[in-house]
């Protein structure tokens, strides 16, 4: 049975990998494992050891704490809405594209999106 923390950490690995535009194969090569193992980590099927998480965090350019953000320390559950959105590849591509826009235009786009969503 999958532990909720392992699932959350795996989703955060996938999220960060997508955000930096890295394939499972590229990440696997950087940490010295097979891409199938990355697949198992990302689904929470296999638990990531501390040393492997260290290597993954280094390869993805984040601190280890990044993988635990969003967990409730009292009851380790993933925020389902945010988890579902961040599991959507299209949403992640949108976020990546959004942050590639220069700040002044990005602010205007954000304001427009807010107005459109309020009107819907």
PDB file of N, CA and C in Angstrom:
ATOM      1  N   UNK A   1       0.836  -1.180   0.000  1.00  0.00           N
ATOM      2  CA  UNK A   1       0.000   0.000   0.000  1.00  0.00           C
ATOM      3  C   UNK A   1       0.881   1.243   0.000  1.00  0.00           C
ATOM      4  N   UNK A   2       0.510   2.221  -0.815  1.00  0.00           N
ATOM      5  CA  UNK A   2       1.284   3.450  -0.916  1.00  0.00           C
ATOM      6  C   UNK A   2       1.050   4.315   0.317  1.00  0.00           C
ATOM      7  N   UNK A   3       2.130   4.890   0.836  1.00  0.00           N
ATOM      8  CA  UNK A   3       2.013   5.821   1.949  1.00  0.00           C
ATOM      9  C   UNK A   3       1.779   7.216   1.373  1.00  0.00           C
ATOM     10  N   UNK A   4       0.878   8.002   1.970  1.00  0.00           N
ATOM     11  CA  UNK A   4       0.580   9.334   1.436  1.00  0.00           C
ATOM     12  C   UNK A   4       1.808  10.243   1.297  1.00  0.00           C
ATOM     13  N   UNK A   5       2.773  10.094   2.194  1.00  0.00           N
ATOM     14  CA  UNK A   5       3.977  10.923   2.107  1.00  0.00           C
ATOM     15  C   UNK A   5       4.806  10.525   0.886  1.00  0.00           C
ATOM     16  N   UNK A   6       4.909   9.231   0.611  1.00  0.00           N
ATOM     17  CA  UNK A   6       5.659   8.778  -0.566  1.00  0.00           C
ATOM     18  C   UNK A   6       4.993   9.267  -1.854  1.00  0.00           C
ATOM     19  N   UNK A   7       3.666   9.250  -1.878  1.00  0.00           N
ATOM     20  CA  UNK A   7       2.930   9.743  -3.045  1.00  0.00           C
ATOM     21  C   UNK A   7       3.173  11.240  -3.221  1.00  0.00           C
ATOM     22  N   UNK A   8       3.116  11.987  -2.118  1.00  0.00           N
ATOM     23  CA  UNK A   8       3.330  13.435  -2.172  1.00  0.00           C
ATOM     24  C   UNK A   8       4.742  13.759  -2.663  1.00  0.00           C
ATOM     25  N   UNK A   9       5.740  13.112  -2.093  1.00  0.00           N
ATOM     26  CA  UNK A   9       7.127  13.354  -2.496  1.00  0.00           C
ATOM     27  C   UNK A   9       7.306  13.005  -3.972  1.00  0.00           C
ATOM     28  N   UNK A  10       6.733  11.906  -4.416  1.00  0.00           N
ATOM     29  CA  UNK A  10       6.824  11.523  -5.822  1.00  0.00           C
ATOM     30  C   UNK A  10       6.196  12.546  -6.748  1.00  0.00           C
ATOM     31  N   UNK A  11       5.034  13.087  -6.348  1.00  0.00           N
ATOM     32  CA  UNK A  11       4.385  14.122  -7.153  1.00  0.00           C
ATOM     33  C   UNK A  11       5.244  15.373  -7.224  1.00  0.00           C
ATOM     34  N   UNK A  12       5.910  15.685  -6.106  1.00  0.00           N
ATOM     35  CA  UNK A  12       6.769  16.878  -6.087  1.00  0.00           C
ATOM     36  C   UNK A  12       8.009  16.663  -6.970  1.00  0.00           C
ATOM     37  N   UNK A  13       8.516  15.434  -7.020  1.00  0.00           N
ATOM     38  CA  UNK A  13       9.632  15.127  -7.928  1.00  0.00           C
ATOM     39  C   UNK A  13       9.168  15.346  -9.369  1.00  0.00           C
ATOM     40  N   UNK A  14       8.021  14.777  -9.714  1.00  0.00           N
ATOM     41  CA  UNK A  14       7.493  14.928 -11.074  1.00  0.00           C
ATOM     42  C   UNK A  14       7.236  16.395 -11.406  1.00  0.00           C
ATOM     43  N   UNK A  15       6.634  17.106 -10.469  1.00  0.00           N
ATOM     44  CA  UNK A  15       6.336  18.526 -10.667  1.00  0.00           C
ATOM     45  C   UNK A  15       7.611  19.319 -10.962  1.00  0.00           C
ATOM     46  N   UNK A  16       8.625  19.129 -10.155  1.00  0.00           N
ATOM     47  CA  UNK A  16       9.876  19.877 -10.355  1.00  0.00           C
ATOM     48  C   UNK A  16      10.559  19.466 -11.661  1.00  0.00           C
ATOM     49  N   UNK A  17      10.535  18.173 -11.953  1.00  0.00           N
ATOM     50  CA  UNK A  17      11.161  17.694 -13.191  1.00  0.00           C
ATOM     51  C   UNK A  17      10.493  18.336 -14.394  1.00  0.00           C
ATOM     52  N   UNK A  18       9.162  18.389 -14.398  1.00  0.00           N
ATOM     53  CA  UNK A  18       8.437  19.029 -15.497  1.00  0.00           C
ATOM     54  C   UNK A  18       8.747  20.518 -15.561  1.00  0.00           C
ATOM     55  N   UNK A  19       8.820  21.169 -14.403  1.00  0.00           N
ATOM     56  CA  UNK A  19       9.065  22.606 -14.364  1.00  0.00           C
ATOM     57  C   UNK A  19      10.414  22.967 -14.974  1.00  0.00           C
ATOM     58  N   UNK A  20      11.401  22.122 -14.793  1.00  0.00           N
ATOM     59  CA  UNK A  20      12.718  22.417 -15.373  1.00  0.00           C
ATOM     60  C   UNK A  20      12.876  21.811 -16.765  1.00  0.00           C
ATOM     61  N   UNK A  21      11.831  21.136 -17.252  1.00  0.00           N
ATOM     62  CA  UNK A  21      11.866  20.584 -18.605  1.00  0.00           C
ATOM     63  C   UNK A  21      12.777  19.389 -18.768  1.00  0.00           C
ATOM     64  N   UNK A  22      12.824  18.549 -17.747  1.00  0.00           N
ATOM     65  CA  UNK A  22      13.707  17.384 -17.758  1.00  0.00           C
ATOM     66  C   UNK A  22      12.886  16.112 -17.951  1.00  0.00           C
ATOM     67  N   UNK A  23      13.404  15.170 -18.713  1.00  0.00           N
ATOM     68  CA  UNK A  23      12.727  13.890 -18.885  1.00  0.00           C
ATOM     69  C   UNK A  23      13.076  12.956 -17.732  1.00  0.00           C
ATOM     70  N   UNK A  24      12.300  11.894 -17.609  1.00  0.00           N
ATOM     71  CA  UNK A  24      12.627  10.880 -16.598  1.00  0.00           C
ATOM     72  C   UNK A  24      13.989  10.267 -16.890  1.00  0.00           C
ATOM     73  N   UNK A  25      14.293  10.059 -18.155  1.00  0.00           N
ATOM     74  CA  UNK A  25      15.581   9.478 -18.529  1.00  0.00           C
ATOM     75  C   UNK A  25      16.739  10.393 -18.128  1.00  0.00           C
ATOM     76  N   UNK A  26      16.583  11.692 -18.357  1.00  0.00           N
ATOM     77  CA  UNK A  26      17.646  12.634 -17.995  1.00  0.00           C
ATOM     78  C   UNK A  26      17.877  12.651 -16.490  1.00  0.00           C
ATOM     79  N   UNK A  27      16.799  12.665 -15.731  1.00  0.00           N
ATOM     80  CA  UNK A  27      16.941  12.646 -14.273  1.00  0.00           C
ATOM     81  C   UNK A  27      17.579  11.343 -13.822  1.00  0.00           C
ATOM     82  N   UNK A  28      17.136  10.246 -14.381  1.00  0.00           N
ATOM     83  CA  UNK A  28      17.700   8.942 -14.019  1.00  0.00           C
ATOM     84  C   UNK A  28      19.197   8.901 -14.307  1.00  0.00           C
ATOM     85  N   UNK A  29      19.602   9.420 -15.458  1.00  0.00           N
ATOM     86  CA  UNK A  29      21.021   9.444 -15.806  1.00  0.00           C
ATOM     87  C   UNK A  29      21.819  10.278 -14.810  1.00  0.00           C
ATOM     88  N   UNK A  30      21.240  11.389 -14.372  1.00  0.00           N
ATOM     89  CA  UNK A  30      21.949  12.281 -13.444  1.00  0.00           C
ATOM     90  C   UNK A  30      22.148  11.646 -12.071  1.00  0.00           C
ATOM     91  N   UNK A  31      21.199  10.798 -11.669  1.00  0.00           N
ATOM     92  CA  UNK A  31      21.319  10.180 -10.341  1.00  0.00           C
ATOM     93  C   UNK A  31      21.806   8.739 -10.395  1.00  0.00           C
ATOM     94  N   UNK A  32      22.032   8.235 -11.614  1.00  0.00           N
ATOM     95  CA  UNK A  32      22.635   6.918 -11.760  1.00  0.00           C
ATOM     96  C   UNK A  32      21.692   5.739 -11.577  1.00  0.00           C
ATOM     97  N   UNK A  33      20.446   5.884 -12.022  1.00  0.00           N
ATOM     98  CA  UNK A  33      19.486   4.789 -11.932  1.00  0.00           C
ATOM     99  C   UNK A  33      18.739   4.662 -13.262  1.00  0.00           C
ATOM    100  N   UNK A  34      17.868   3.679 -13.369  1.00  0.00           N
ATOM    101  CA  UNK A  34      17.057   3.472 -14.563  1.00  0.00           C
ATOM    102  C   UNK A  34      15.834   4.395 -14.520  1.00  0.00           C
ATOM    103  N   UNK A  35      15.345   4.790 -15.695  1.00  0.00           N
ATOM    104  CA  UNK A  35      14.199   5.691 -15.721  1.00  0.00           C
ATOM    105  C   UNK A  35      12.956   5.032 -15.136  1.00  0.00           C
ATOM    106  N   UNK A  36      12.891   3.711 -15.194  1.00  0.00           N
ATOM    107  CA  UNK A  36      11.735   3.012 -14.622  1.00  0.00           C
ATOM    108  C   UNK A  36      11.644   3.258 -13.110  1.00  0.00           C
ATOM    109  N   UNK A  37      12.815   3.401 -12.487  1.00  0.00           N
ATOM    110  CA  UNK A  37      12.820   3.670 -11.049  1.00  0.00           C
ATOM    111  C   UNK A  37      12.262   5.064 -10.768  1.00  0.00           C
ATOM    112  N   UNK A  38      12.581   6.026 -11.634  1.00  0.00           N
ATOM    113  CA  UNK A  38      12.017   7.370 -11.496  1.00  0.00           C
ATOM    114  C   UNK A  38      10.495   7.291 -11.612  1.00  0.00           C
ATOM    115  N   UNK A  39      10.001   6.493 -12.550  1.00  0.00           N
ATOM    116  CA  UNK A  39       8.549   6.310 -12.694  1.00  0.00           C
ATOM    117  C   UNK A  39       7.935   5.797 -11.397  1.00  0.00           C
ATOM    118  N   UNK A  40       8.573   4.826 -10.790  1.00  0.00           N
ATOM    119  CA  UNK A  40       8.054   4.250  -9.546  1.00  0.00           C
ATOM    120  C   UNK A  40       8.095   5.265  -8.411  1.00  0.00           C
ATOM    121  N   UNK A  41       9.169   6.078  -8.362  1.00  0.00           N
ATOM    122  CA  UNK A  41       9.243   7.129  -7.343  1.00  0.00           C
ATOM    123  C   UNK A  41       8.119   8.143  -7.531  1.00  0.00           C
ATOM    124  N   UNK A  42       7.894   8.544  -8.781  1.00  0.00           N
ATOM    125  CA  UNK A  42       6.924   9.599  -9.062  1.00  0.00           C
ATOM    126  C   UNK A  42       5.486   9.176  -8.775  1.00  0.00           C
ATOM    127  N   UNK A  43       5.205   7.907  -8.818  1.00  0.00           N
ATOM    128  CA  UNK A  43       3.860   7.414  -8.502  1.00  0.00           C
ATOM    129  C   UNK A  43       3.711   7.061  -7.028  1.00  0.00           C
ATOM    130  N   UNK A  44       4.805   7.074  -6.292  1.00  0.00           N
ATOM    131  CA  UNK A  44       4.767   6.688  -4.885  1.00  0.00           C
ATOM    132  C   UNK A  44       4.802   5.192  -4.698  1.00  0.00           C
ATOM    133  N   UNK A  45       4.987   4.450  -5.790  1.00  0.00           N
ATOM    134  CA  UNK A  45       5.038   2.995  -5.721  1.00  0.00           C
ATOM    135  C   UNK A  45       6.274   2.547  -4.934  1.00  0.00           C
ATOM    136  N   UNK A  46       7.386   3.221  -5.154  1.00  0.00           N
ATOM    137  CA  UNK A  46       8.612   2.943  -4.404  1.00  0.00           C
ATOM    138  C   UNK A  46       8.971   4.151  -3.559  1.00  0.00           C
ATOM    139  N   UNK A  47       9.397   3.890  -2.360  1.00  0.00           N
ATOM    140  CA  UNK A  47       9.833   4.938  -1.440  1.00  0.00           C
ATOM    141  C   UNK A  47      11.239   5.389  -1.821  1.00  0.00           C
ATOM    142  N   UNK A  48      11.498   6.689  -1.728  1.00  0.00           N
ATOM    143  CA  UNK A  48      12.810   7.241  -2.062  1.00  0.00           C
ATOM    144  C   UNK A  48      13.646   7.301  -0.790  1.00  0.00           C
ATOM    145  N   UNK A  49      14.832   6.693  -0.823  1.00  0.00           N
ATOM    146  CA  UNK A  49      15.717   6.739   0.338  1.00  0.00           C
ATOM    147  C   UNK A  49      16.258   8.155   0.521  1.00  0.00           C
ATOM    148  N   UNK A  50      16.772   8.440   1.702  1.00  0.00           N
ATOM    149  CA  UNK A  50      17.305   9.770   2.012  1.00  0.00           C
ATOM    150  C   UNK A  50      18.451  10.140   1.075  1.00  0.00           C
ATOM    151  N   UNK A  51      19.365   9.201   0.831  1.00  0.00           N
ATOM    152  CA  UNK A  51      20.503   9.509  -0.032  1.00  0.00           C
ATOM    153  C   UNK A  51      20.072   9.718  -1.475  1.00  0.00           C
ATOM    154  N   UNK A  52      19.087   8.962  -1.937  1.00  0.00           N
ATOM    155  CA  UNK A  52      18.582   9.128  -3.303  1.00  0.00           C
ATOM    156  C   UNK A  52      17.834  10.457  -3.425  1.00  0.00           C
ATOM    157  N   UNK A  53      17.063  10.819  -2.402  1.00  0.00           N
ATOM    158  CA  UNK A  53      16.363  12.095  -2.419  1.00  0.00           C
ATOM    159  C   UNK A  53      17.366  13.247  -2.447  1.00  0.00           C
ATOM    160  N   UNK A  54      18.471  13.078  -1.754  1.00  0.00           N
ATOM    161  CA  UNK A  54      19.543  14.073  -1.782  1.00  0.00           C
ATOM    162  C   UNK A  54      20.059  14.247  -3.214  1.00  0.00           C
ATOM    163  N   UNK A  55      20.315  13.131  -3.889  1.00  0.00           N
ATOM    164  CA  UNK A  55      20.802  13.184  -5.277  1.00  0.00           C
ATOM    165  C   UNK A  55      19.770  13.819  -6.212  1.00  0.00           C
ATOM    166  N   UNK A  56      18.512  13.463  -6.018  1.00  0.00           N
ATOM    167  CA  UNK A  56      17.439  14.007  -6.861  1.00  0.00           C
ATOM    168  C   UNK A  56      17.297  15.512  -6.629  1.00  0.00           C
ATOM    169  N   UNK A  57      17.366  15.931  -5.377  1.00  0.00           N
ATOM    170  CA  UNK A  57      17.241  17.364  -5.093  1.00  0.00           C
ATOM    171  C   UNK A  57      18.388  18.143  -5.717  1.00  0.00           C
ATOM    172  N   UNK A  58      19.569  17.567  -5.693  1.00  0.00           N
ATOM    173  CA  UNK A  58      20.729  18.203  -6.320  1.00  0.00           C
ATOM    174  C   UNK A  58      20.533  18.296  -7.838  1.00  0.00           C
ATOM    175  N   UNK A  59      20.078  17.218  -8.452  1.00  0.00           N
ATOM    176  CA  UNK A  59      19.865  17.189  -9.903  1.00  0.00           C
ATOM    177  C   UNK A  59      18.776  18.167 -10.340  1.00  0.00           C
ATOM    178  N   UNK A  60      17.772  18.362  -9.495  1.00  0.00           N
ATOM    179  CA  UNK A  60      16.660  19.242  -9.842  1.00  0.00           C
ATOM    180  C   UNK A  60      16.847  20.668  -9.328  1.00  0.00           C
ATOM    181  N   UNK A  61      17.928  20.893  -8.598  1.00  0.00           N
ATOM    182  CA  UNK A  61      18.248  22.245  -8.145  1.00  0.00           C
ATOM    183  C   UNK A  61      17.337  22.808  -7.070  1.00  0.00           C
ATOM    184  N   UNK A  62      16.888  21.944  -6.164  1.00  0.00           N
ATOM    185  CA  UNK A  62      16.045  22.396  -5.051  1.00  0.00           C
ATOM    186  C   UNK A  62      16.568  21.774  -3.756  1.00  0.00           C
ATOM    187  N   UNK A  63      16.117  22.329  -2.635  1.00  0.00           N
ATOM    188  CA  UNK A  63      16.466  21.726  -1.351  1.00  0.00           C
ATOM    189  C   UNK A  63      15.563  20.527  -1.106  1.00  0.00           C
ATOM    190  N   UNK A  64      15.976  19.661  -0.233  1.00  0.00           N
ATOM    191  CA  UNK A  64      15.171  18.476   0.083  1.00  0.00           C
ATOM    192  C   UNK A  64      13.807  18.878   0.639  1.00  0.00           C
ATOM    193  N   UNK A  65      13.762  19.976   1.358  1.00  0.00           N
ATOM    194  CA  UNK A  65      12.490  20.411   1.941  1.00  0.00           C
ATOM    195  C   UNK A  65      11.431  20.704   0.880  1.00  0.00           C
ATOM    196  N   UNK A  66      11.843  21.020  -0.349  1.00  0.00           N
ATOM    197  CA  UNK A  66      10.904  21.270  -1.440  1.00  0.00           C
ATOM    198  C   UNK A  66       9.932  20.097  -1.605  1.00  0.00           C
ATOM    199  N   UNK A  67      10.421  18.886  -1.455  1.00  0.00           N
ATOM    200  CA  UNK A  67       9.608  17.701  -1.701  1.00  0.00           C
ATOM    201  C   UNK A  67       8.550  17.472  -0.625  1.00  0.00           C
ATOM    202  N   UNK A  68       8.705  18.136   0.517  1.00  0.00           N
ATOM    203  CA  UNK A  68       7.763  17.966   1.618  1.00  0.00           C
ATOM    204  C   UNK A  68       6.822  19.153   1.776  1.00  0.00           C
ATOM    205  N   UNK A  69       7.012  20.194   0.972  1.00  0.00           N
ATOM    206  CA  UNK A  69       6.131  21.353   1.045  1.00  0.00           C
ATOM    207  C   UNK A  69       4.704  20.926   0.730  1.00  0.00           C
ATOM    208  N   UNK A  70       3.769  21.465   1.500  1.00  0.00           N
ATOM    209  CA  UNK A  70       2.362  21.150   1.276  1.00  0.00           C
ATOM    210  C   UNK A  70       1.837  20.007   2.112  1.00  0.00           C
ATOM    211  N   UNK A  71       2.705  19.356   2.874  1.00  0.00           N
ATOM    212  CA  UNK A  71       2.242  18.280   3.762  1.00  0.00           C
ATOM    213  C   UNK A  71       1.842  18.871   5.103  1.00  0.00           C
ATOM    214  N   UNK A  72       0.792  18.350   5.674  1.00  0.00           N
ATOM    215  CA  UNK A  72       0.385  18.726   7.017  1.00  0.00           C
ATOM    216  C   UNK A  72       1.135  17.812   7.982  1.00  0.00           C
ATOM    217  N   UNK A  73       1.923  18.394   8.876  1.00  0.00           N
ATOM    218  CA  UNK A  73       2.766  17.601   9.779  1.00  0.00           C
ATOM    219  C   UNK A  73       1.941  16.701  10.708  1.00  0.00           C
ATOM    220  N   UNK A  74       0.735  17.088  11.052  1.00  0.00           N
ATOM    221  CA  UNK A  74      -0.090  16.285  11.956  1.00  0.00           C
ATOM    222  C   UNK A  74      -0.744  15.114  11.243  1.00  0.00           C
ATOM    223  N   UNK A  75      -1.173  15.326  10.010  1.00  0.00           N
ATOM    224  CA  UNK A  75      -1.856  14.278   9.243  1.00  0.00           C
ATOM    225  C   UNK A  75      -1.342  14.354   7.810  1.00  0.00           C
ATOM    226  N   UNK A  76      -0.369  13.508   7.466  1.00  0.00           N
ATOM    227  CA  UNK A  76       0.270  13.627   6.144  1.00  0.00           C
ATOM    228  C   UNK A  76      -0.673  13.329   4.987  1.00  0.00           C
ATOM    229  N   UNK A  77      -1.356  14.352   4.539  1.00  0.00           N
ATOM    230  CA  UNK A  77      -2.262  14.214   3.402  1.00  0.00           C
ATOM    231  C   UNK A  77      -1.910  15.269   2.377  1.00  0.00           C
ATOM    232  N   UNK A  78      -2.025  14.922   1.128  1.00  0.00           N
ATOM    233  CA  UNK A  78      -1.759  15.841   0.036  1.00  0.00           C
ATOM    234  C   UNK A  78      -2.994  16.708  -0.172  1.00  0.00           C
ATOM    235  N   UNK A  79      -2.793  17.991  -0.415  1.00  0.00           N
ATOM    236  CA  UNK A  79      -3.901  18.855  -0.786  1.00  0.00           C
ATOM    237  C   UNK A  79      -4.401  18.364  -2.141  1.00  0.00           C
ATOM    238  N   UNK A  80      -5.562  17.771  -2.187  1.00  0.00           N
ATOM    239  CA  UNK A  80      -6.055  17.088  -3.390  1.00  0.00           C
ATOM    240  C   UNK A  80      -6.222  18.024  -4.578  1.00  0.00           C
ATOM    241  N   UNK A  81      -6.758  19.222  -4.354  1.00  0.00           N
ATOM    242  CA  UNK A  81      -6.984  20.133  -5.478  1.00  0.00           C
ATOM    243  C   UNK A  81      -5.652  20.554  -6.077  1.00  0.00           C
ATOM    244  N   UNK A  82      -4.724  21.039  -5.252  1.00  0.00           N
ATOM    245  CA  UNK A  82      -3.415  21.450  -5.766  1.00  0.00           C
ATOM    246  C   UNK A  82      -2.688  20.257  -6.358  1.00  0.00           C
ATOM    247  N   UNK A  83      -2.804  19.094  -5.740  1.00  0.00           N
ATOM    248  CA  UNK A  83      -2.149  17.898  -6.265  1.00  0.00           C
ATOM    249  C   UNK A  83      -2.672  17.524  -7.635  1.00  0.00           C
ATOM    250  N   UNK A  84      -3.979  17.618  -7.823  1.00  0.00           N
ATOM    251  CA  UNK A  84      -4.567  17.299  -9.121  1.00  0.00           C
ATOM    252  C   UNK A  84      -4.132  18.288 -10.186  1.00  0.00           C
ATOM    253  N   UNK A  85      -4.102  19.563  -9.842  1.00  0.00           N
ATOM    254  CA  UNK A  85      -3.693  20.579 -10.808  1.00  0.00           C
ATOM    255  C   UNK A  85      -2.234  20.379 -11.194  1.00  0.00           C
ATOM    256  N   UNK A  86      -1.395  20.142 -10.226  1.00  0.00           N
ATOM    257  CA  UNK A  86       0.024  19.996 -10.509  1.00  0.00           C
ATOM    258  C   UNK A  86       0.355  18.660 -11.168  1.00  0.00           C
ATOM    259  N   UNK A  87      -0.586  17.730 -11.165  1.00  0.00           N
ATOM    260  CA  UNK A  87      -0.380  16.467 -11.866  1.00  0.00           C
ATOM    261  C   UNK A  87      -0.727  16.597 -13.341  1.00  0.00           C
ATOM    262  N   UNK A  88      -1.355  17.709 -13.709  1.00  0.00           N
ATOM    263  CA  UNK A  88      -1.775  17.941 -15.088  1.00  0.00           C
ATOM    264  C   UNK A  88      -0.619  18.576 -15.865  1.00  0.00           C
ATOM    265  N   UNK A  89      -0.141  17.882 -16.872  1.00  0.00           N
ATOM    266  CA  UNK A  89       1.003  18.361 -17.644  1.00  0.00           C
ATOM    267  C   UNK A  89       0.704  19.697 -18.323  1.00  0.00           C
ATOM    268  N   UNK A  90      -0.514  19.861 -18.807  1.00  0.00           N
ATOM    269  CA  UNK A  90      -0.888  21.120 -19.454  1.00  0.00           C
ATOM    270  C   UNK A  90      -0.809  22.289 -18.470  1.00  0.00           C
ATOM    271  N   UNK A  91      -1.256  22.071 -17.231  1.00  0.00           N
ATOM    272  CA  UNK A  91      -1.185  23.125 -16.216  1.00  0.00           C
ATOM    273  C   UNK A  91       0.261  23.488 -15.921  1.00  0.00           C
ATOM    274  N   UNK A  92       1.122  22.494 -15.844  1.00  0.00           N
ATOM    275  CA  UNK A  92       2.532  22.771 -15.581  1.00  0.00           C
ATOM    276  C   UNK A  92       3.178  23.507 -16.750  1.00  0.00           C
ATOM    277  N   UNK A  93       2.798  23.158 -17.978  1.00  0.00           N
ATOM    278  CA  UNK A  93       3.326  23.868 -19.138  1.00  0.00           C
ATOM    279  C   UNK A  93       2.859  25.324 -19.122  1.00  0.00           C
ATOM    280  N   UNK A  94       1.623  25.545 -18.700  1.00  0.00           N
ATOM    281  CA  UNK A  94       1.090  26.897 -18.601  1.00  0.00           C
ATOM    282  C   UNK A  94       1.870  27.706 -17.557  1.00  0.00           C
ATOM    283  N   UNK A  95       2.129  27.106 -16.419  1.00  0.00           N
ATOM    284  CA  UNK A  95       2.887  27.792 -15.371  1.00  0.00           C
ATOM    285  C   UNK A  95       4.301  28.103 -15.848  1.00  0.00           C
ATOM    286  N   UNK A  96       4.937  27.154 -16.496  1.00  0.00           N
ATOM    287  CA  UNK A  96       6.294  27.372 -17.017  1.00  0.00           C
ATOM    288  C   UNK A  96       6.304  28.514 -18.029  1.00  0.00           C
ATOM    289  N   UNK A  97       5.323  28.533 -18.916  1.00  0.00           N
ATOM    290  CA  UNK A  97       5.224  29.598 -19.919  1.00  0.00           C
ATOM    291  C   UNK A  97       4.943  30.940 -19.256  1.00  0.00           C
ATOM    292  N   UNK A  98       4.081  30.935 -18.255  1.00  0.00           N
ATOM    293  CA  UNK A  98       3.728  32.162 -17.530  1.00  0.00           C
ATOM    294  C   UNK A  98       4.977  32.809 -16.934  1.00  0.00           C
ATOM    295  N   UNK A  99       5.819  32.015 -16.293  1.00  0.00           N
ATOM    296  CA  UNK A  99       7.009  32.571 -15.651  1.00  0.00           C
ATOM    297  C   UNK A  99       8.104  32.943 -16.647  1.00  0.00           C
ATOM    298  N   UNK A 100       7.953  32.551 -17.893  1.00  0.00           N
ATOM    299  CA  UNK A 100       8.901  32.962 -18.929  1.00  0.00           C
ATOM    300  C   UNK A 100       8.568  34.361 -19.473  1.00  0.00           C
ATOM    301  N   UNK A 101       7.374  34.861 -19.165  1.00  0.00           N
ATOM    302  CA  UNK A 101       6.945  36.184 -19.617  1.00  0.00           C
ATOM    303  C   UNK A 101       7.575  37.237 -18.706  1.00  0.00           C
ATOM    304  N   UNK A 102       8.069  38.345 -19.275  1.00  0.00           N
ATOM    305  CA  UNK A 102       8.631  39.420 -18.438  1.00  0.00           C
ATOM    306  C   UNK A 102       7.611  39.927 -17.416  1.00  0.00           C
ATOM    307  N   UNK A 103       8.090  40.360 -16.272  1.00  0.00           N
ATOM    308  CA  UNK A 103       7.251  40.734 -15.130  1.00  0.00           C
ATOM    309  C   UNK A 103       6.110  41.703 -15.465  1.00  0.00           C
ATOM    310  N   UNK A 104       6.344  42.818 -16.157  1.00  0.00           N
ATOM    311  CA  UNK A 104       5.223  43.743 -16.405  1.00  0.00           C
ATOM    312  C   UNK A 104       4.083  43.102 -17.213  1.00  0.00           C
ATOM    313  N   UNK A 105       4.436  42.337 -18.252  1.00  0.00           N
ATOM    314  CA  UNK A 105       3.406  41.668 -19.044  1.00  0.00           C
ATOM    315  C   UNK A 105       2.750  40.537 -18.257  1.00  0.00           C
ATOM    316  N   UNK A 106       3.535  39.878 -17.422  1.00  0.00           N
ATOM    317  CA  UNK A 106       3.002  38.790 -16.611  1.00  0.00           C
ATOM    318  C   UNK A 106       1.946  39.326 -15.646  1.00  0.00           C
ATOM    319  N   UNK A 107       2.194  40.469 -15.040  1.00  0.00           N
ATOM    320  CA  UNK A 107       1.233  41.070 -14.114  1.00  0.00           C
ATOM    321  C   UNK A 107      -0.070  41.411 -14.850  1.00  0.00           C
ATOM    322  N   UNK A 108       0.038  41.947 -16.057  1.00  0.00           N
ATOM    323  CA  UNK A 108      -1.152  42.292 -16.842  1.00  0.00           C
ATOM    324  C   UNK A 108      -1.929  41.031 -17.224  1.00  0.00           C
ATOM    325  N   UNK A 109      -1.205  39.978 -17.595  1.00  0.00           N
ATOM    326  CA  UNK A 109      -1.852  38.715 -17.935  1.00  0.00           C
ATOM    327  C   UNK A 109      -2.571  38.139 -16.714  1.00  0.00           C
ATOM    328  N   UNK A 110      -1.940  38.221 -15.565  1.00  0.00           N
ATOM    329  CA  UNK A 110      -2.546  37.737 -14.329  1.00  0.00           C
ATOM    330  C   UNK A 110      -3.836  38.497 -14.033  1.00  0.00           C
ATOM    331  N   UNK A 111      -3.783  39.827 -14.160  1.00  0.00           N
ATOM    332  CA  UNK A 111      -4.973  40.645 -13.914  1.00  0.00           C
ATOM    333  C   UNK A 111      -6.101  40.277 -14.876  1.00  0.00           C
ATOM    334  N   UNK A 112      -5.757  40.057 -16.141  1.00  0.00           N
ATOM    335  CA  UNK A 112      -6.750  39.657 -17.130  1.00  0.00           C
ATOM    336  C   UNK A 112      -7.371  38.305 -16.761  1.00  0.00           C
ATOM    337  N   UNK A 113      -6.538  37.348 -16.400  1.00  0.00           N
ATOM    338  CA  UNK A 113      -7.039  36.014 -16.034  1.00  0.00           C
ATOM    339  C   UNK A 113      -7.956  36.103 -14.826  1.00  0.00           C
ATOM    340  N   UNK A 114      -7.606  36.945 -13.867  1.00  0.00           N
ATOM    341  CA  UNK A 114      -8.433  37.096 -12.677  1.00  0.00           C
ATOM    342  C   UNK A 114      -9.803  37.665 -13.043  1.00  0.00           C
ATOM    343  N   UNK A 115      -9.828  38.692 -13.890  1.00  0.00           N
ATOM    344  CA  UNK A 115     -11.091  39.292 -14.326  1.00  0.00           C
ATOM    345  C   UNK A 115     -11.944  38.251 -15.064  1.00  0.00           C
ATOM    346  N   UNK A 116     -11.306  37.482 -15.960  1.00  0.00           N
ATOM    347  CA  UNK A 116     -12.039  36.475 -16.726  1.00  0.00           C
ATOM    348  C   UNK A 116     -12.605  35.375 -15.819  1.00  0.00           C
ATOM    349  N   UNK A 117     -11.837  34.967 -14.839  1.00  0.00           N
ATOM    350  CA  UNK A 117     -12.308  33.889 -13.956  1.00  0.00           C
ATOM    351  C   UNK A 117     -13.415  34.392 -13.028  1.00  0.00           C
ATOM    352  N   UNK A 118     -13.348  35.665 -12.623  1.00  0.00           N
ATOM    353  CA  UNK A 118     -14.406  36.227 -11.794  1.00  0.00           C
ATOM    354  C   UNK A 118     -15.721  36.367 -12.572  1.00  0.00           C
ATOM    355  N   UNK A 119     -15.591  36.619 -13.879  1.00  0.00           N
ATOM    356  CA  UNK A 119     -16.783  36.797 -14.720  1.00  0.00           C
ATOM    357  C   UNK A 119     -17.414  35.463 -15.103  1.00  0.00           C
ATOM    358  N   UNK A 120     -16.663  34.387 -14.992  1.00  0.00           N
ATOM    359  CA  UNK A 120     -17.178  33.070 -15.426  1.00  0.00           C
ATOM    360  C   UNK A 120     -18.172  32.492 -14.460  1.00  0.00           C
TER     361      UNK A 120
END
